[in-house]
């Protein structure tokens, strides 16, 4: 069987965004709105989630489900990433602190919407891997640190927004 290519992933990413929109519409009473911010939806459509999962799971990256990333941790399902990002409401001039980098997917989504993202990860292997993935993909406005995120990142404080994904 032929291997999936970037064009295939782009189609799946568009479908993922459409599925997120359906979930939001179905939960509109609970959410108090019928749609998420267009900027958030556009970011979800741009960030290549398949680059933030383990390679054997890349074909499943755009399903609306969490996926294992190692160390008994998961990458959050796309609907939750979109919803949390929408609730945070990052703006282009803001600095955001993320607690719980994982392999960097949420940081990439935030980086698409904010001026600067600082992310703290308690699993050393994840911190290094996330940094490498983000650099390879050109996310220059994300800084990663290995450590206990409950203490924040004083060197870069104050932050306009804080997102706890752990």
C-alpha atoms as a PDB file:
ATOM      1  CA  UNK A   1       0.000   0.000   0.000  1.00  0.00           C
ATOM      2  CA  UNK A   2       1.133   3.533  -0.806  1.00  0.00           C
ATOM      3  CA  UNK A   3       2.302   5.750   2.058  1.00  0.00           C
ATOM      4  CA  UNK A   4       0.333   8.842   3.103  1.00  0.00           C
ATOM      5  CA  UNK A   5       1.707  12.145   1.833  1.00  0.00           C
ATOM      6  CA  UNK A   6       1.281  15.806   2.830  1.00  0.00           C
ATOM      7  CA  UNK A   7      -1.672  16.198   0.459  1.00  0.00           C
ATOM      8  CA  UNK A   8      -3.496  13.340   2.217  1.00  0.00           C
ATOM      9  CA  UNK A   9      -2.757  14.870   5.624  1.00  0.00           C
ATOM     10  CA  UNK A  10      -4.029  18.264   4.422  1.00  0.00           C
ATOM     11  CA  UNK A  11      -7.372  16.705   3.432  1.00  0.00           C
ATOM     12  CA  UNK A  12      -7.635  14.939   6.801  1.00  0.00           C
ATOM     13  CA  UNK A  13      -6.786  18.204   8.586  1.00  0.00           C
ATOM     14  CA  UNK A  14      -9.628  20.001   6.760  1.00  0.00           C
ATOM     15  CA  UNK A  15     -11.993  17.202   7.770  1.00  0.00           C
ATOM     16  CA  UNK A  16     -10.770  17.493  11.377  1.00  0.00           C
ATOM     17  CA  UNK A  17     -11.634  21.213  11.377  1.00  0.00           C
ATOM     18  CA  UNK A  18     -15.097  20.431   9.966  1.00  0.00           C
ATOM     19  CA  UNK A  19     -15.611  17.795  12.680  1.00  0.00           C
ATOM     20  CA  UNK A  20     -14.574  20.279  15.381  1.00  0.00           C
ATOM     21  CA  UNK A  21     -17.181  22.707  14.005  1.00  0.00           C
ATOM     22  CA  UNK A  22     -19.846  19.989  14.241  1.00  0.00           C
ATOM     23  CA  UNK A  23     -18.871  19.187  17.856  1.00  0.00           C
ATOM     24  CA  UNK A  24     -19.060  22.881  18.737  1.00  0.00           C
ATOM     25  CA  UNK A  25     -22.463  23.225  17.093  1.00  0.00           C
ATOM     26  CA  UNK A  26     -23.773  20.170  18.977  1.00  0.00           C
ATOM     27  CA  UNK A  27     -22.433  21.546  22.273  1.00  0.00           C
ATOM     28  CA  UNK A  28     -23.491  25.142  21.552  1.00  0.00           C
ATOM     29  CA  UNK A  29     -25.949  25.275  24.483  1.00  0.00           C
ATOM     30  CA  UNK A  30     -23.256  24.189  26.935  1.00  0.00           C
ATOM     31  CA  UNK A  31     -20.593  26.390  25.340  1.00  0.00           C
ATOM     32  CA  UNK A  32     -22.813  29.450  25.041  1.00  0.00           C
ATOM     33  CA  UNK A  33     -21.814  29.930  21.387  1.00  0.00           C
ATOM     34  CA  UNK A  34     -22.424  28.228  18.065  1.00  0.00           C
ATOM     35  CA  UNK A  35     -18.880  28.511  16.698  1.00  0.00           C
ATOM     36  CA  UNK A  36     -15.293  28.952  17.820  1.00  0.00           C
ATOM     37  CA  UNK A  37     -13.195  31.982  16.888  1.00  0.00           C
ATOM     38  CA  UNK A  38     -12.317  31.883  13.185  1.00  0.00           C
ATOM     39  CA  UNK A  39      -8.647  32.522  14.030  1.00  0.00           C
ATOM     40  CA  UNK A  40      -8.579  29.408  16.224  1.00  0.00           C
ATOM     41  CA  UNK A  41     -10.232  27.297  13.538  1.00  0.00           C
ATOM     42  CA  UNK A  42      -7.763  28.610  10.948  1.00  0.00           C
ATOM     43  CA  UNK A  43      -4.832  27.735  13.232  1.00  0.00           C
ATOM     44  CA  UNK A  44      -6.230  24.233  13.715  1.00  0.00           C
ATOM     45  CA  UNK A  45      -6.335  23.966   9.928  1.00  0.00           C
ATOM     46  CA  UNK A  46      -2.718  25.066   9.551  1.00  0.00           C
ATOM     47  CA  UNK A  47      -0.858  23.182  12.299  1.00  0.00           C
ATOM     48  CA  UNK A  48       0.246  19.738  11.083  1.00  0.00           C
ATOM     49  CA  UNK A  49      -0.922  17.526  14.001  1.00  0.00           C
ATOM     50  CA  UNK A  50       0.604  14.459  12.307  1.00  0.00           C
ATOM     51  CA  UNK A  51       4.046  15.983  13.020  1.00  0.00           C
ATOM     52  CA  UNK A  52       3.327  15.946  16.777  1.00  0.00           C
ATOM     53  CA  UNK A  53       2.407  12.281  17.198  1.00  0.00           C
ATOM     54  CA  UNK A  54       4.505   9.139  17.113  1.00  0.00           C
ATOM     55  CA  UNK A  55       5.217   8.251  13.482  1.00  0.00           C
ATOM     56  CA  UNK A  56       3.230   4.975  13.418  1.00  0.00           C
ATOM     57  CA  UNK A  57       0.159   6.925  14.601  1.00  0.00           C
ATOM     58  CA  UNK A  58       0.430   9.697  11.969  1.00  0.00           C
ATOM     59  CA  UNK A  59      -2.395   8.212   9.827  1.00  0.00           C
ATOM     60  CA  UNK A  60      -4.687   8.606  12.876  1.00  0.00           C
ATOM     61  CA  UNK A  61      -3.506  12.115  13.824  1.00  0.00           C
ATOM     62  CA  UNK A  62      -6.638  13.877  12.563  1.00  0.00           C
ATOM     63  CA  UNK A  63      -9.185  11.636  14.243  1.00  0.00           C
ATOM     64  CA  UNK A  64     -10.976  13.424  17.070  1.00  0.00           C
ATOM     65  CA  UNK A  65      -9.336  11.413  19.798  1.00  0.00           C
ATOM     66  CA  UNK A  66      -6.365  11.628  22.116  1.00  0.00           C
ATOM     67  CA  UNK A  67      -3.366   9.560  21.027  1.00  0.00           C
ATOM     68  CA  UNK A  68      -0.579   8.076  23.157  1.00  0.00           C
ATOM     69  CA  UNK A  69       2.770   9.881  22.950  1.00  0.00           C
ATOM     70  CA  UNK A  70       4.718   7.825  25.508  1.00  0.00           C
ATOM     71  CA  UNK A  71       5.310   7.910  29.276  1.00  0.00           C
ATOM     72  CA  UNK A  72       1.587   7.172  29.811  1.00  0.00           C
ATOM     73  CA  UNK A  73       0.751  10.607  28.330  1.00  0.00           C
ATOM     74  CA  UNK A  74      -1.436  11.583  25.388  1.00  0.00           C
ATOM     75  CA  UNK A  75      -1.837  14.371  22.870  1.00  0.00           C
ATOM     76  CA  UNK A  76      -5.273  15.891  23.511  1.00  0.00           C
ATOM     77  CA  UNK A  77      -8.094  15.352  21.052  1.00  0.00           C
ATOM     78  CA  UNK A  78      -8.365  18.158  18.484  1.00  0.00           C
ATOM     79  CA  UNK A  79     -11.783  19.354  19.733  1.00  0.00           C
ATOM     80  CA  UNK A  80     -10.359  19.894  23.232  1.00  0.00           C
ATOM     81  CA  UNK A  81      -7.277  21.696  21.863  1.00  0.00           C
ATOM     82  CA  UNK A  82      -9.517  23.991  19.796  1.00  0.00           C
ATOM     83  CA  UNK A  83     -11.920  24.607  22.675  1.00  0.00           C
ATOM     84  CA  UNK A  84      -9.171  25.367  25.202  1.00  0.00           C
ATOM     85  CA  UNK A  85      -7.476  27.682  22.720  1.00  0.00           C
ATOM     86  CA  UNK A  86     -10.747  29.456  21.992  1.00  0.00           C
ATOM     87  CA  UNK A  87     -11.467  29.903  25.714  1.00  0.00           C
ATOM     88  CA  UNK A  88      -7.962  31.292  26.235  1.00  0.00           C
ATOM     89  CA  UNK A  89      -8.410  33.754  23.360  1.00  0.00           C
ATOM     90  CA  UNK A  90      -4.730  34.385  22.558  1.00  0.00           C
ATOM     91  CA  UNK A  91      -4.040  37.586  20.620  1.00  0.00           C
ATOM     92  CA  UNK A  92      -1.179  38.426  18.280  1.00  0.00           C
ATOM     93  CA  UNK A  93       0.490  40.837  20.725  1.00  0.00           C
ATOM     94  CA  UNK A  94       0.342  38.520  23.759  1.00  0.00           C
ATOM     95  CA  UNK A  95       2.789  36.260  25.562  1.00  0.00           C
ATOM     96  CA  UNK A  96       1.370  32.910  26.661  1.00  0.00           C
ATOM     97  CA  UNK A  97       2.673  30.417  29.222  1.00  0.00           C
ATOM     98  CA  UNK A  98       1.755  26.789  28.598  1.00  0.00           C
ATOM     99  CA  UNK A  99       2.162  24.195  31.331  1.00  0.00           C
ATOM    100  CA  UNK A 100       2.549  20.701  29.850  1.00  0.00           C
ATOM    101  CA  UNK A 101       4.246  20.809  26.447  1.00  0.00           C
ATOM    102  CA  UNK A 102       3.967  17.137  25.535  1.00  0.00           C
ATOM    103  CA  UNK A 103       5.337  16.893  21.994  1.00  0.00           C
ATOM    104  CA  UNK A 104       4.424  20.513  21.245  1.00  0.00           C
ATOM    105  CA  UNK A 105       1.093  20.445  19.387  1.00  0.00           C
ATOM    106  CA  UNK A 106      -0.805  22.859  21.642  1.00  0.00           C
ATOM    107  CA  UNK A 107       2.271  25.128  21.733  1.00  0.00           C
ATOM    108  CA  UNK A 108       2.272  25.193  17.910  1.00  0.00           C
ATOM    109  CA  UNK A 109      -1.421  26.134  17.814  1.00  0.00           C
ATOM    110  CA  UNK A 110      -0.790  28.895  20.367  1.00  0.00           C
ATOM    111  CA  UNK A 111       2.305  30.074  18.463  1.00  0.00           C
ATOM    112  CA  UNK A 112       0.128  30.560  15.400  1.00  0.00           C
ATOM    113  CA  UNK A 113      -2.057  32.987  17.379  1.00  0.00           C
ATOM    114  CA  UNK A 114       0.184  34.707  19.967  1.00  0.00           C
ATOM    115  CA  UNK A 115       3.389  36.742  19.766  1.00  0.00           C
ATOM    116  CA  UNK A 116       5.365  34.422  22.066  1.00  0.00           C
ATOM    117  CA  UNK A 117       4.744  31.070  23.760  1.00  0.00           C
ATOM    118  CA  UNK A 118       6.787  29.789  26.679  1.00  0.00           C
ATOM    119  CA  UNK A 119       6.096  26.154  27.528  1.00  0.00           C
ATOM    120  CA  UNK A 120       7.234  24.057  30.495  1.00  0.00           C
ATOM    121  CA  UNK A 121       7.358  20.245  30.334  1.00  0.00           C
ATOM    122  CA  UNK A 122       8.096  17.915  33.243  1.00  0.00           C
ATOM    123  CA  UNK A 123       9.182  14.938  31.069  1.00  0.00           C
ATOM    124  CA  UNK A 124      12.702  15.731  29.894  1.00  0.00           C
ATOM    125  CA  UNK A 125      12.443  13.565  26.762  1.00  0.00           C
ATOM    126  CA  UNK A 126       9.266  15.395  25.701  1.00  0.00           C
ATOM    127  CA  UNK A 127      10.830  18.822  26.225  1.00  0.00           C
ATOM    128  CA  UNK A 128      13.751  17.987  23.927  1.00  0.00           C
ATOM    129  CA  UNK A 129      11.580  16.285  21.341  1.00  0.00           C
ATOM    130  CA  UNK A 130       9.014  19.113  21.314  1.00  0.00           C
ATOM    131  CA  UNK A 131      11.739  21.703  20.872  1.00  0.00           C
ATOM    132  CA  UNK A 132      13.199  19.768  17.926  1.00  0.00           C
ATOM    133  CA  UNK A 133       9.804  19.269  16.275  1.00  0.00           C
ATOM    134  CA  UNK A 134       8.836  22.933  16.658  1.00  0.00           C
ATOM    135  CA  UNK A 135      12.191  24.130  15.271  1.00  0.00           C
ATOM    136  CA  UNK A 136      11.940  21.766  12.282  1.00  0.00           C
ATOM    137  CA  UNK A 137       8.502  23.182  11.521  1.00  0.00           C
ATOM    138  CA  UNK A 138       9.669  26.797  11.802  1.00  0.00           C
ATOM    139  CA  UNK A 139       7.993  27.835  15.061  1.00  0.00           C
ATOM    140  CA  UNK A 140      10.555  30.422  16.180  1.00  0.00           C
ATOM    141  CA  UNK A 141       8.251  32.065  18.751  1.00  0.00           C
ATOM    142  CA  UNK A 142       8.111  29.084  21.148  1.00  0.00           C
ATOM    143  CA  UNK A 143      10.523  28.530  24.016  1.00  0.00           C
ATOM    144  CA  UNK A 144      10.567  25.185  25.814  1.00  0.00           C
ATOM    145  CA  UNK A 145      11.923  24.430  29.267  1.00  0.00           C
ATOM    146  CA  UNK A 146      12.221  21.125  31.104  1.00  0.00           C
ATOM    147  CA  UNK A 147      10.949  21.441  34.642  1.00  0.00           C
ATOM    148  CA  UNK A 148       8.044  21.631  37.063  1.00  0.00           C
ATOM    149  CA  UNK A 149       5.463  23.917  35.498  1.00  0.00           C
ATOM    150  CA  UNK A 150       3.674  24.548  38.801  1.00  0.00           C
ATOM    151  CA  UNK A 151       6.336  27.168  39.430  1.00  0.00           C
ATOM    152  CA  UNK A 152       5.723  28.938  36.119  1.00  0.00           C
ATOM    153  CA  UNK A 153       8.707  30.469  34.308  1.00  0.00           C
ATOM    154  CA  UNK A 154       9.730  33.539  36.282  1.00  0.00           C
ATOM    155  CA  UNK A 155      12.370  34.714  33.777  1.00  0.00           C
ATOM    156  CA  UNK A 156       9.650  35.418  31.189  1.00  0.00           C
ATOM    157  CA  UNK A 157       6.849  36.604  33.502  1.00  0.00           C
ATOM    158  CA  UNK A 158       4.478  38.334  33.525  1.00  0.00           C
ATOM    159  CA  UNK A 159       2.323  36.474  31.000  1.00  0.00           C
ATOM    160  CA  UNK A 160      -0.805  37.758  29.314  1.00  0.00           C
ATOM    161  CA  UNK A 161      -2.410  34.301  29.369  1.00  0.00           C
ATOM    162  CA  UNK A 162      -1.646  30.906  30.932  1.00  0.00           C
ATOM    163  CA  UNK A 163      -2.883  27.543  29.647  1.00  0.00           C
ATOM    164  CA  UNK A 164      -2.492  24.394  31.731  1.00  0.00           C
ATOM    165  CA  UNK A 165      -2.648  21.326  29.510  1.00  0.00           C
ATOM    166  CA  UNK A 166      -1.141  18.860  31.978  1.00  0.00           C
END
